[in-house]
Protein backbone atom coordinates (compact mmCIF):
# COMPACT_ATOMS: atom_id res chain seq x y z
CA MET A 1 37.59 -10.08 0.59
CA GLN A 2 34.00 -10.70 2.46
CA ARG A 3 32.62 -9.32 5.59
CA ARG A 4 28.76 -9.51 6.99
CA VAL A 5 27.00 -6.42 6.32
CA SER A 6 24.45 -4.69 8.70
CA GLY A 7 22.55 -2.89 5.64
CA GLU A 8 23.80 0.19 4.65
CA VAL A 9 26.67 2.80 4.71
CA PRO A 10 28.63 4.77 6.59
CA THR A 11 28.84 3.41 10.48
CA ASP A 12 28.86 5.47 13.75
CA PRO A 13 31.06 3.03 15.58
CA ALA A 14 29.34 4.80 18.57
CA ALA A 15 25.76 4.35 17.49
CA PRO A 16 24.06 1.96 19.77
CA ASP A 17 22.46 -1.00 17.80
CA THR A 18 19.26 -1.19 20.24
CA PHE A 19 17.62 1.29 22.73
CA PRO A 20 17.29 0.85 26.42
CA VAL A 21 13.61 0.92 25.92
CA ALA A 22 11.29 -1.39 26.22
CA ALA A 23 9.05 -1.75 22.94
CA GLU A 24 5.24 -0.86 23.80
CA ILE A 25 3.20 -3.72 23.85
CA ALA A 26 -0.15 -3.05 21.40
CA VAL A 27 -3.25 -2.52 22.95
CA PRO A 28 -5.51 -5.71 22.49
CA ARG A 29 -8.09 -5.55 19.91
CA TRP A 30 -11.36 -5.95 22.47
CA ARG A 31 -10.07 -3.04 24.31
CA ARG A 32 -9.85 -0.99 20.83
CA GLN A 33 -13.44 -2.40 20.05
CA LEU A 34 -14.83 -1.47 23.57
CA ALA A 35 -13.04 2.08 23.05
CA THR A 36 -14.47 2.58 19.65
CA THR A 37 -18.01 1.89 21.05
CA VAL A 38 -17.58 4.39 23.46
CA PHE A 39 -16.29 7.11 21.28
CA ARG A 40 -19.77 6.70 19.27
CA THR A 41 -21.92 7.64 21.98
CA ASN A 42 -23.03 11.37 22.79
CA LEU A 43 -21.99 11.05 26.26
CA TYR A 44 -18.27 10.95 25.09
CA ARG A 45 -19.09 13.61 22.51
CA ALA A 46 -20.42 15.66 25.62
CA ALA A 47 -17.44 15.07 27.83
CA LEU A 48 -15.13 15.95 24.90
CA ARG A 49 -16.65 19.45 24.53
CA ARG A 50 -16.09 20.06 28.28
CA GLY A 51 -12.99 21.97 29.05
CA SER A 52 -11.68 25.02 29.60
CA GLY A 53 -10.48 27.91 26.85
CA LEU A 54 -7.57 27.09 24.96
CA THR A 55 -4.67 29.42 23.83
CA ILE A 56 -2.03 28.55 21.07
CA ALA A 57 1.27 29.58 22.60
CA TRP A 58 3.32 29.03 19.18
CA ALA A 59 3.07 27.34 15.91
CA PRO A 60 4.77 24.27 15.48
CA PRO A 61 7.20 24.46 12.78
CA LEU A 62 6.66 22.78 9.30
CA VAL A 63 8.97 19.80 7.94
CA VAL A 64 7.52 20.02 4.10
CA PRO A 65 6.96 23.36 2.91
CA GLY A 66 3.82 24.11 1.09
CA SER A 67 3.22 24.48 -2.61
CA THR A 68 1.14 27.57 -4.50
CA THR A 69 0.96 25.16 -7.42
CA ASN A 70 -0.78 22.71 -5.48
CA ALA A 71 -2.91 25.52 -3.71
CA ASN A 72 -3.82 26.96 -7.41
CA ALA A 73 -4.88 23.76 -8.42
CA MET A 74 -7.34 23.38 -5.60
CA PHE A 75 -8.69 26.55 -5.77
CA GLN A 76 -9.83 25.32 -9.16
CA GLY A 77 -11.10 22.40 -7.64
CA ARG A 78 -8.27 19.81 -8.16
CA TYR A 79 -7.14 17.82 -5.11
CA THR A 80 -4.69 15.67 -5.66
CA PHE A 81 -3.54 13.78 -2.48
CA ALA A 82 -1.63 10.42 -2.62
CA GLY A 83 -0.91 10.21 -6.08
CA HIS A 84 -4.69 10.90 -7.00
CA THR A 85 -6.73 13.50 -7.86
CA VAL A 86 -10.33 14.55 -7.04
CA GLN A 87 -12.12 17.00 -8.99
CA SER A 88 -15.06 18.83 -7.59
CA ALA A 89 -15.37 22.50 -8.31
CA LYS A 90 -18.32 23.05 -5.98
CA GLU A 91 -18.74 20.03 -3.80
CA ALA A 92 -16.57 19.35 -0.74
CA PRO A 93 -14.45 16.60 -2.48
CA TRP A 94 -14.51 14.21 0.19
CA ARG A 95 -18.18 13.97 -0.34
CA LEU A 96 -17.75 12.54 -3.70
CA GLY A 97 -18.11 8.71 -4.57
CA ASP A 98 -15.22 6.15 -5.05
CA ILE A 99 -12.20 8.05 -3.46
CA ALA A 100 -9.10 5.91 -3.15
CA PRO A 101 -8.72 5.45 0.69
CA SER A 102 -5.06 6.95 0.61
CA TRP A 103 -6.66 10.12 -0.88
CA LEU A 104 -9.27 10.26 1.78
CA SER A 105 -6.65 9.74 4.54
CA ARG A 106 -4.41 12.45 3.35
CA CYS A 107 -7.43 14.68 2.71
CA HIS A 108 -8.27 14.28 6.63
CA GLU A 109 -4.74 14.83 7.68
CA PHE A 110 -5.06 18.35 6.43
CA GLY A 111 -1.36 18.41 5.24
CA TRP A 112 -2.68 20.57 2.28
CA LEU A 113 -3.01 23.73 4.52
CA ALA A 114 0.24 24.29 4.15
CA ASP A 115 -0.23 24.72 0.37
CA PHE A 116 -3.02 27.33 0.95
CA ALA A 117 -0.42 29.39 3.55
CA ALA A 118 1.98 29.26 0.89
CA ALA A 119 -0.53 31.02 -1.26
CA ASP A 120 -1.53 33.30 1.57
CA GLY A 121 -3.78 36.41 0.98
CA PRO A 122 -7.34 36.83 2.07
CA THR A 123 -8.57 34.83 -0.67
CA ALA A 124 -6.82 31.80 0.33
CA ARG A 125 -7.92 32.13 4.01
CA ARG A 126 -11.54 32.31 2.93
CA HIS A 127 -11.42 29.35 0.70
CA THR A 128 -9.67 27.28 3.10
CA ARG A 129 -12.23 28.21 6.12
CA ALA A 130 -14.91 27.31 3.93
CA LEU A 131 -13.36 23.93 3.25
CA ILE A 132 -13.08 23.43 7.10
CA ARG A 133 -16.52 24.61 7.61
CA ARG A 134 -17.82 21.89 5.27
CA TRP A 135 -15.42 19.30 6.91
CA ILE A 136 -16.73 19.99 10.58
CA ALA A 137 -20.26 19.67 9.15
CA ASP A 138 -19.54 16.25 7.99
CA PHE A 139 -16.87 14.88 10.42
CA GLY A 140 -16.99 17.32 13.35
CA ARG A 141 -18.12 14.35 15.59
CA TRP A 142 -16.08 10.74 15.86
CA SER A 143 -15.91 8.78 12.82
CA PRO A 144 -13.75 5.77 12.39
CA LEU A 145 -11.08 6.78 9.85
CA ALA A 146 -11.40 11.03 10.30
CA TRP A 147 -10.82 10.27 13.89
CA ARG A 148 -8.24 7.63 13.42
CA PRO A 149 -5.63 8.69 16.08
CA ASP A 150 -2.83 9.36 13.75
CA ILE A 151 -4.94 10.98 11.13
CA LEU A 152 -6.32 13.05 14.15
CA GLY A 153 -3.07 13.98 15.34
CA MET A 154 -1.49 15.05 12.04
CA ARG A 155 -4.49 17.27 11.49
CA LEU A 156 -4.12 18.85 14.94
CA VAL A 157 -0.73 19.92 14.37
CA SER A 158 -1.70 21.03 11.07
CA TRP A 159 -4.45 22.96 12.49
CA LEU A 160 -2.18 24.44 15.37
CA ALA A 161 0.91 24.86 12.68
CA HIS A 162 -1.60 27.40 10.49
CA ALA A 163 -3.56 28.86 12.92
CA ASP A 164 -2.41 32.25 12.39
CA PHE A 165 -2.99 31.99 8.64
CA LEU A 166 -6.67 30.38 9.61
CA LEU A 167 -7.52 32.85 12.14
CA VAL A 168 -6.54 36.31 10.94
CA ASP A 169 -9.78 38.32 9.72
CA ALA A 170 -12.07 35.25 10.70
CA GLU A 171 -15.32 35.39 11.18
CA PRO A 172 -15.95 35.36 14.88
CA ASP A 173 -17.83 32.17 15.09
CA PHE A 174 -15.53 30.76 12.97
CA GLY A 175 -12.78 31.28 15.86
CA GLU A 176 -14.67 29.90 18.76
CA THR A 177 -15.71 26.78 16.27
CA PHE A 178 -12.10 25.98 15.45
CA LEU A 179 -10.48 26.46 18.95
CA GLY A 180 -13.31 24.20 20.12
CA LEU A 181 -12.68 21.39 18.01
CA VAL A 182 -9.01 21.70 18.52
CA GLY A 183 -9.82 21.30 22.12
CA GLU A 184 -11.88 17.99 21.64
CA HIS A 185 -9.05 16.83 19.37
CA VAL A 186 -6.80 17.00 22.02
CA ARG A 187 -8.66 15.72 24.62
CA HIS A 188 -9.65 12.60 22.42
CA LEU A 189 -6.01 12.25 21.38
CA ASN A 190 -5.23 12.11 24.94
CA ASN A 191 -7.73 9.03 25.36
CA ALA A 192 -7.19 7.55 21.85
CA GLN A 193 -3.25 7.68 21.27
CA GLY A 194 -2.42 4.08 22.52
CA MET A 195 -5.74 2.74 20.46
CA ALA A 196 -4.10 2.72 16.66
CA ASP A 197 -3.65 -0.41 15.41
CA THR A 198 -0.05 -0.50 14.50
CA ALA A 199 2.97 0.64 15.85
CA ALA A 200 3.61 3.48 13.36
CA GLN A 201 0.39 4.64 13.85
CA ARG A 202 0.86 4.90 17.22
CA THR A 203 4.19 6.56 16.80
CA ILE A 204 2.52 9.14 15.37
CA ALA A 205 -0.42 9.57 17.38
CA ARG A 206 1.84 10.00 20.47
CA ALA A 207 4.28 12.32 18.95
CA SER A 208 1.51 14.78 17.92
CA TYR A 209 -0.21 14.64 21.09
CA LEU A 210 3.25 16.13 22.38
CA THR A 211 3.84 18.51 19.74
CA ALA A 212 0.25 19.74 20.26
CA SER A 213 0.12 20.03 24.35
CA LEU A 214 3.46 21.89 24.11
CA ALA A 215 2.03 24.36 21.09
CA LEU A 216 -0.70 25.17 23.77
CA GLY A 217 1.63 25.99 26.05
CA ARG A 218 0.58 22.97 28.37
CA ARG A 219 3.22 21.48 30.94
CA LEU A 220 2.35 18.15 31.02
CA ALA A 221 2.51 16.73 34.39
CA GLN A 222 3.60 13.54 33.18
CA HIS A 223 6.00 14.93 29.94
CA GLU A 224 8.60 12.31 30.88
CA ARG A 225 6.15 9.55 30.73
CA HIS A 226 4.50 10.57 27.76
CA LEU A 227 8.29 10.64 25.61
CA GLN A 228 8.81 6.99 27.34
CA ARG A 229 5.87 6.17 25.84
CA LEU A 230 6.57 7.62 22.22
CA ILE A 231 9.93 6.19 22.30
CA ALA A 232 8.52 2.50 23.25
CA CYS A 233 6.26 2.88 20.20
CA ALA A 234 8.73 4.25 18.08
CA ILE A 235 11.55 1.42 18.64
CA PRO A 236 10.08 -1.21 16.68
CA VAL A 237 9.40 1.19 13.70
CA ALA A 238 13.10 1.84 13.59
CA ASP A 239 14.32 -0.97 14.01
CA GLY A 240 12.37 -2.97 11.08
CA THR A 241 10.47 -5.05 13.54
CA ALA A 242 7.12 -3.42 13.48
CA THR A 243 7.01 -2.57 10.00
CA ARG A 244 9.59 -2.78 6.57
CA ARG A 245 6.94 -0.74 4.19
CA PRO A 246 8.95 2.22 3.11
CA SER A 247 5.88 4.42 3.02
CA ASP A 248 5.19 3.74 6.39
CA LEU A 249 8.61 4.80 7.57
CA LEU A 250 8.15 8.03 5.48
CA ARG A 251 4.86 8.91 6.96
CA THR A 252 6.21 8.46 10.57
CA LEU A 253 9.04 10.59 10.48
CA PRO A 254 7.76 13.95 9.87
CA PRO A 255 5.74 14.01 13.06
CA LEU A 256 8.99 13.07 14.90
CA LEU A 257 11.10 15.61 13.39
CA THR A 258 8.09 18.22 14.18
CA LEU A 259 8.38 16.92 17.76
CA ARG A 260 11.86 17.55 17.88
CA ASP A 261 11.77 20.76 16.50
CA ALA A 262 9.08 21.80 19.12
CA LEU A 263 11.05 20.49 22.54
CA ARG A 264 13.91 22.58 21.07
CA ALA A 265 11.97 25.59 20.70
CA GLY A 266 10.68 25.15 24.22
CA GLU A 267 14.63 24.87 25.20
CA THR A 268 14.19 21.29 26.04
CA SER A 269 16.82 19.07 24.65
CA PRO A 270 15.11 16.08 22.85
CA PRO A 271 16.34 12.72 24.38
CA ALA A 272 19.09 10.65 22.74
CA GLU A 273 16.69 8.11 22.05
CA LEU A 274 14.45 10.37 20.23
CA ASP A 275 17.32 11.45 17.78
CA GLY A 276 18.36 7.88 17.54
CA ILE A 277 15.19 6.71 16.04
CA ILE A 278 14.88 9.70 13.80
CA ASP A 279 18.28 9.04 12.37
CA ARG A 280 17.81 5.32 11.90
CA ILE A 281 14.28 5.99 9.98
CA GLY A 282 16.16 8.56 7.95
CA SER A 283 18.72 6.06 6.94
CA ALA A 284 16.39 3.27 6.23
CA LEU A 285 14.63 5.68 3.72
CA ARG A 286 17.99 6.61 2.56
CA LEU A 287 18.73 2.58 1.53
CA LEU A 288 15.44 2.02 0.19
CA THR A 289 15.70 5.07 -1.86
CA HIS A 290 16.06 4.82 -5.73
CA GLY A 291 18.18 7.03 -7.96
CA GLY A 292 15.26 9.04 -9.05
CA GLU A 293 14.85 9.68 -5.02
CA GLY A 294 11.10 7.65 -4.76
CA LEU A 295 10.84 4.61 -2.88
CA ALA A 296 11.27 0.86 -3.23
CA VAL A 297 7.84 -0.56 -3.56
CA PHE A 298 8.34 -3.46 -0.56
CA HIS A 299 5.40 -4.35 1.35
CA GLY A 300 2.64 -2.75 0.06
CA GLY A 301 4.39 0.14 -0.28
CA VAL A 302 4.08 3.29 -2.88
CA GLU A 303 7.07 5.20 -4.53
CA GLU A 304 6.05 8.44 -2.85
CA ASP A 305 6.79 12.05 -3.89
CA ALA A 306 10.63 12.13 -4.53
CA GLU A 307 10.76 15.70 -3.61
CA THR A 308 9.43 15.12 0.01
CA VAL A 309 11.32 12.15 0.54
CA ALA A 310 14.74 14.31 -0.04
CA THR A 311 13.37 17.04 2.24
CA VAL A 312 12.62 14.96 5.28
CA VAL A 313 15.69 12.77 4.76
CA ALA A 314 17.78 15.72 4.60
CA ARG A 315 16.83 16.46 8.42
CA THR A 316 18.66 13.24 9.66
CA ALA A 317 22.10 11.85 10.08
CA GLN A 318 23.47 9.13 8.42
CA ILE A 319 23.89 6.24 10.76
CA ALA A 320 24.49 2.38 9.90
CA LEU A 321 21.60 -0.24 10.30
CA SER A 322 21.46 -3.59 12.13
CA ALA A 323 21.37 -6.65 10.33
CA THR A 324 17.91 -7.23 11.23
CA PHE A 325 16.43 -4.41 9.60
CA GLY A 326 15.89 -6.61 6.59
CA PHE A 327 17.40 -4.72 3.49
CA ALA A 328 20.84 -3.87 1.83
CA ARG A 329 21.93 -2.09 -1.19
CA LEU A 330 24.33 -2.91 -4.01
CA GLU A 331 25.72 0.05 -6.36
CA GLN A 332 28.00 1.08 -8.62
CA GLY A 333 27.77 4.24 -11.23
CA ARG A 334 23.95 4.62 -11.89
CA LEU A 335 22.82 1.21 -11.43
CA ARG A 336 21.56 -0.18 -8.02
CA VAL A 337 20.18 -2.73 -6.30
CA ILE A 338 17.85 -3.05 -3.44
CA ALA A 339 17.59 -6.22 -1.94
CA GLU A 340 15.39 -7.70 0.63
CA THR A 341 17.25 -9.62 3.28
CA ALA A 342 14.25 -11.29 5.50
CA GLY A 343 10.80 -11.48 5.22
CA PRO A 344 7.92 -10.44 7.07
CA PRO A 345 9.05 -8.15 10.25
CA PRO A 346 8.00 -10.14 13.83
CA HIS A 347 5.16 -7.90 14.28
CA ASP A 348 3.76 -8.64 10.73
CA ASP A 349 3.18 -5.61 8.25
CA GLY A 350 0.33 -7.57 6.06
CA GLY A 351 2.40 -10.83 5.44
CA PHE A 352 4.05 -10.19 2.31
CA ALA A 353 6.06 -13.50 1.35
CA SER A 354 8.73 -11.74 -0.06
CA ALA A 355 12.30 -12.56 1.16
CA LEU A 356 14.85 -12.54 -1.51
CA ALA A 357 12.91 -9.87 -3.54
CA MET A 358 14.67 -7.03 -5.17
CA GLU A 359 13.93 -4.05 -7.17
CA VAL A 360 16.65 -2.46 -9.79
CA SER A 361 17.08 1.37 -10.81
CA ILE A 362 19.49 2.78 -13.39
CA GLY A 363 19.90 6.59 -12.62
CA LYS A 364 16.19 7.81 -12.31
CA GLU A 365 14.77 4.76 -14.23
CA ARG A 366 13.13 1.75 -12.19
CA LEU A 367 13.79 -1.58 -13.87
CA PHE A 368 12.72 -4.34 -12.13
CA VAL A 369 10.52 -3.81 -9.66
CA ASN A 370 8.07 -5.33 -7.05
CA CYS A 371 3.82 -5.09 -7.40
CA GLY A 372 3.05 -3.48 -4.58
CA SER A 373 -0.44 -3.38 -3.00
CA PRO A 374 -3.92 -2.12 -4.63
CA ASN A 375 -5.23 1.28 -3.07
CA GLY A 376 -8.53 -0.44 -1.76
CA ASP A 377 -10.39 -2.93 0.21
CA ASP A 378 -10.61 -5.77 -2.49
CA SER A 379 -9.53 -8.67 -0.64
CA GLU A 380 -8.67 -10.64 -3.96
CA TRP A 381 -6.29 -8.02 -5.38
CA GLN A 382 -4.76 -7.70 -1.59
CA ASN A 383 -4.03 -11.39 -1.12
CA ALA A 384 -2.54 -11.75 -4.74
CA ALA A 385 -0.07 -8.62 -4.17
CA ARG A 386 1.12 -10.19 -0.53
CA ALA A 387 1.93 -13.78 -2.60
CA THR A 388 5.52 -14.39 -3.71
CA ALA A 389 4.62 -14.19 -7.17
CA ALA A 390 4.08 -10.51 -7.22
CA HIS A 391 7.68 -9.75 -6.34
CA THR A 392 10.95 -10.20 -8.38
CA ALA A 393 11.83 -13.40 -5.91
CA LEU A 394 11.73 -16.84 -6.41
CA ILE A 395 9.25 -18.87 -6.42
CA ILE A 396 8.88 -22.88 -6.21
CA ASP A 397 5.96 -25.12 -7.55
CA ASP A 398 3.71 -21.69 -7.96
CA ARG A 399 3.72 -21.64 -3.89
CA SER A 400 4.50 -18.56 -1.79
CA GLN A 401 7.23 -18.51 1.04
CA ASP A 402 6.39 -19.57 4.27
CA CYS A 403 5.97 -16.26 6.19
CA THR A 404 6.19 -17.69 9.69
CA ASP A 405 9.43 -19.66 8.87
CA VAL A 406 11.22 -16.30 7.05
CA ALA A 407 10.34 -13.86 9.88
CA ALA A 408 11.61 -16.48 12.45
CA SER A 409 15.16 -16.75 10.54
CA GLN A 410 18.22 -14.73 10.68
CA PRO A 411 19.21 -12.92 7.42
CA ASP A 412 22.34 -14.26 6.28
CA VAL A 413 23.92 -11.42 4.30
CA LEU A 414 27.38 -11.27 2.76
CA ARG A 415 29.17 -8.65 0.92
CA GLY A 416 32.70 -7.98 -0.70
CA GLU A 417 35.07 -6.97 -3.41
CA GLU A 418 36.48 -8.92 -6.27
CA GLY A 419 39.16 -6.52 -7.73
CA ASP A 420 37.33 -3.37 -8.72
CA ASN A 421 33.69 -5.16 -8.55
CA VAL A 422 31.29 -5.59 -5.80
CA TRP A 423 29.14 -8.42 -4.91
CA LEU A 424 26.36 -9.35 -2.33
CA GLU A 425 24.86 -12.73 -1.37
CA ILE A 426 21.84 -12.97 0.70
CA THR A 427 20.45 -16.54 1.78
CA SER A 428 16.23 -17.33 2.75
CA SER A 429 15.13 -20.08 4.44
CA GLY A 430 11.42 -19.19 3.22
CA TYR A 431 10.84 -22.64 1.42
CA ALA A 432 12.78 -24.58 3.87
CA ARG A 433 9.71 -26.26 5.75
CA ALA A 434 7.79 -26.84 2.82
CA PHE A 435 10.54 -28.27 0.39
CA GLY A 436 13.72 -28.64 2.71
CA VAL A 437 15.51 -26.09 0.47
CA HIS A 438 17.65 -22.47 0.82
CA ALA A 439 17.20 -19.77 -1.80
CA THR A 440 20.53 -17.78 -2.23
CA ARG A 441 21.10 -14.78 -4.36
CA ARG A 442 24.45 -13.67 -5.30
CA TYR A 443 25.00 -10.32 -7.38
CA HIS A 444 28.09 -9.26 -8.98
CA MET A 445 28.09 -5.71 -10.13
CA ALA A 446 30.83 -3.92 -12.30
CA LYS A 447 32.43 -0.82 -11.30
CA ASP A 448 31.15 1.40 -14.05
CA GLY A 449 27.89 0.21 -13.16
CA HIS A 450 27.05 -1.14 -16.97
CA GLU A 451 26.86 -4.82 -15.84
CA LEU A 452 25.24 -6.82 -13.44
CA VAL A 453 25.21 -10.34 -12.90
CA CYS A 454 23.11 -12.90 -10.45
CA GLU A 455 23.09 -16.35 -9.56
CA GLU A 456 19.94 -17.88 -8.41
CA ARG A 457 20.32 -20.88 -6.37
CA LEU A 458 18.49 -22.84 -4.30
CA ASP A 459 20.05 -26.02 -2.17
CA ALA A 460 19.23 -28.71 -0.06
CA HIS A 461 19.20 -27.82 3.46
CA GLY A 462 19.45 -30.91 5.96
CA ALA A 463 17.72 -34.05 5.92
CA PRO A 464 14.20 -34.09 4.35
CA GLN A 465 11.62 -34.40 6.82
CA PRO A 466 8.60 -36.63 6.41
CA ALA A 467 6.25 -34.18 5.48
CA THR A 468 8.78 -32.33 2.92
CA ARG A 469 7.81 -32.52 -0.64
CA ASN A 470 10.16 -32.72 -3.65
CA PRO A 471 10.11 -29.47 -5.25
CA GLN A 472 9.62 -30.04 -9.33
CA GLU A 473 10.13 -26.49 -10.78
CA LEU A 474 11.90 -23.19 -9.90
CA CYS A 475 10.34 -20.08 -11.28
CA ALA A 476 11.90 -16.78 -10.85
CA ARG A 477 9.64 -13.38 -11.77
CA TYR A 478 11.04 -10.29 -12.57
CA HIS A 479 8.87 -7.83 -12.81
CA LEU A 480 9.31 -4.56 -14.94
CA HIS A 481 8.04 -1.01 -14.42
CA PRO A 482 5.39 0.20 -16.73
CA LYS A 483 7.80 2.38 -18.50
CA ILE A 484 9.81 -0.57 -19.47
CA THR A 485 9.69 -1.74 -23.32
CA ALA A 486 10.42 -5.20 -23.37
CA SER A 487 10.90 -8.14 -26.35
CA LEU A 488 12.26 -11.71 -26.66
CA LEU A 489 15.32 -12.09 -28.83
CA GLY A 490 16.23 -15.46 -30.35
CA ASP A 491 15.69 -18.61 -28.69
CA GLY A 492 14.14 -17.57 -25.05
CA HIS A 493 17.49 -16.76 -23.39
CA GLN A 494 17.58 -12.94 -24.28
CA VAL A 495 15.27 -10.03 -23.56
CA LEU A 496 16.02 -6.59 -24.85
CA LEU A 497 14.84 -3.82 -22.42
CA ARG A 498 14.29 -0.08 -23.38
CA LEU A 499 14.17 2.17 -20.57
CA GLY A 500 12.11 5.41 -20.57
CA ASN A 501 14.80 7.15 -21.67
CA GLY A 502 15.60 5.18 -24.54
CA THR A 503 18.47 3.35 -23.39
CA GLY A 504 18.70 -0.48 -24.10
CA TRP A 505 19.96 -3.40 -21.82
CA VAL A 506 19.94 -6.79 -22.29
CA PHE A 507 18.77 -9.42 -19.77
CA GLU A 508 20.64 -12.95 -20.55
CA VAL A 509 19.66 -15.90 -19.13
CA ALA A 510 21.98 -19.03 -18.66
CA ASN A 511 20.86 -22.85 -17.86
CA GLY A 512 16.84 -21.42 -18.34
CA ILE A 513 14.08 -19.92 -20.56
CA ALA A 514 12.89 -16.85 -20.78
CA ARG A 515 9.53 -15.72 -21.43
CA LEU A 516 7.26 -12.58 -21.00
CA GLU A 517 4.25 -12.52 -19.19
CA ASP A 518 1.81 -9.66 -18.53
CA SER A 519 1.77 -8.37 -14.67
CA VAL A 520 0.32 -5.07 -13.09
CA TYR A 521 2.19 -2.83 -10.72
CA PHE A 522 0.45 -0.60 -8.34
CA GLY A 523 3.47 1.22 -7.10
CA ASP A 524 2.00 4.75 -8.51
CA ALA A 525 -0.02 5.60 -5.63
CA GLY A 526 -1.77 1.93 -5.66
CA LYS A 527 -3.39 2.46 -8.93
CA PRO A 528 -3.20 -0.32 -11.32
CA ARG A 529 -0.98 -0.30 -14.12
CA ARG A 530 -0.19 -2.71 -16.88
CA THR A 531 3.02 -4.26 -17.13
CA LYS A 532 5.33 -6.91 -18.04
CA GLN A 533 7.24 -9.43 -16.25
CA ILE A 534 10.25 -11.77 -17.29
CA VAL A 535 9.55 -15.45 -16.12
CA VAL A 536 12.29 -18.02 -16.11
CA THR A 537 12.06 -21.59 -15.21
CA ARG A 538 14.01 -24.18 -14.27
CA ALA A 539 13.34 -27.93 -13.37
CA PHE A 540 14.61 -29.24 -10.21
CA SER A 541 17.16 -32.51 -9.80
CA SER A 542 16.90 -33.85 -6.23
CA ARG A 543 16.16 -30.83 -4.20
CA THR A 544 18.57 -28.50 -6.23
CA ALA A 545 18.20 -26.15 -8.79
CA GLY A 546 19.73 -22.70 -10.30
CA PHE A 547 20.94 -20.45 -13.16
CA MET A 548 22.67 -17.67 -13.74
CA TRP A 549 21.32 -13.96 -15.57
CA HIS A 550 23.34 -11.13 -16.84
CA LEU A 551 21.86 -7.71 -17.40
CA MET A 552 24.43 -5.54 -19.45
CA ARG A 553 23.74 -2.18 -21.25
CA MET A 554 23.83 -2.46 -24.79
CA ASP A 555 26.29 0.56 -25.54
CA GLY A 556 28.40 0.64 -22.37
CA ARG A 557 27.71 4.28 -21.88
CA THR A 558 26.80 5.97 -18.63
């Protein structure tokens, strides 16, 4: 039997496939640039400082609890955010040079206040207030990163959530300074929440503004309008048309959960659309989670913290996803394949030419991965990470897929069962414009999860266009996780793969030659790690090429 799939798991037949709200249109770049010019001025800063005194009505609830272990490390000068550690015993850590951008973003978000609050006590309060004083000295006025709408919004909610912790026995001048800056943050976020670059950032900023307003006891004059704007910018995040980066989904979900909790605490029923958006994002994260509970590395994302993923996803209901979301999953036993069914989303989140890319994990061990994206501004590495060759995907003549063509095409996805085994077939048109071919991957997985067979095939698609080139060589790249040890066996048709836990698997290719090459993996918080990749090549016959590979556990035990 066979059926066309929507991407994932248990279906709620009553769940709407789309939301009855038009998606938000992004603010033009020129308007954002003009606003940035205004934000830099002393006149704007003076305007932010004008306003009545604030009273914090209640503390927004936490979605991810703090850790006393993390607090103890920070007491000792070790600050670990986004997988990076900065060592600074005396100096404020953000003042050190050569800091990863993701570390600096997490630092400015102040999520780490939860760790100090978990430690509690006078010492934790004094230490935290000292850090905040230093931060205010350095970033108390507008700056591009620290005051970016989404980052400022998350910081504002964190400050409000921990206000009691910070202000107990605080020096009078600290309380005055702190509350004054809270007011400036709220006023600026009111102006800037729609100015963020991406739909995910705008969603975070708008959700944070609403939560902060509720926490400050404000009854917004246009409460419904703010909610509808939030829903409008969250729709393309939830349905995969704004971003397919798993890390973006994970970062967006907690502010939405916090807002829903805030609405309920104020005895206001959250809109059904908000519940639907939250559940779709949660279901997408479930689909994109490996057995070790970290996220798959698609579209420049990273593995992320497994405990955070599990905590956040547990707050959502499991529903079906639309076929246009762009991913599908196949699993049996402990063997799991997460496959991309479409290329970059229509609104593009970086132009990753990755249609048909896949990742494979076995239990908690990752086997085949995508390279991810470096944490930094190195344009050469960034461009390389977007290429098809940086993915476990099919490449023709060392040329990346046509992102524009992939984005415009509808995914062709089938799945079915053959006895106790399952299969999944995905077809992409990423090379249709350049070479006049369609690429297909068809996976067959054994019931016990001990075997995976994949047919890699490229077929002619319609009559060749005048500008169409004749393809010469199909190259398939299977990037290995750094924990995998690989060695060629025999005449280049088999590769022995040893997982981090010592388990052995054999990768065997038919009608092609396999070799091992160097690769790099950025999935661990964007840090480069040396690894290997299996490379299989096959010559074209006219506009057709293909081969099969077989992945099998050596001893057959689970």
